[in-house]
């Protein structure tokens, strides 16, 4: 990614970004990948660059990443991960869940 002018995030080594007026982000974790950008052309360009280097399959619009659901609001151009999904995943194997004493009310 460095060759194609992407910078590696110093806080999360799985995140790469290309700084511009309209930045593009690439989130990588083992064999999961997500591209985020406001401009679809930037997304298509990055996909084309990655396909030249790697054998990859485009699964379309992301609905999940790393087992977490993604919620999208196109009207406000926002993406987020619902906390319920994250907490449920964390609690699944926890002591609280095993004792059926979850401190969270859904």
Foldseek 3Di string as FASTA:
>chain_A
DVVVQWDADPVDRQKIWHDDPWIKIWGDDPQWIDIDTPDVVVVVVVVVVVVVPDPDDDPPDDQDTPQFGWDADPVVGDIDTDVVRVVCVVCVPDPCVVVVNDPDDD
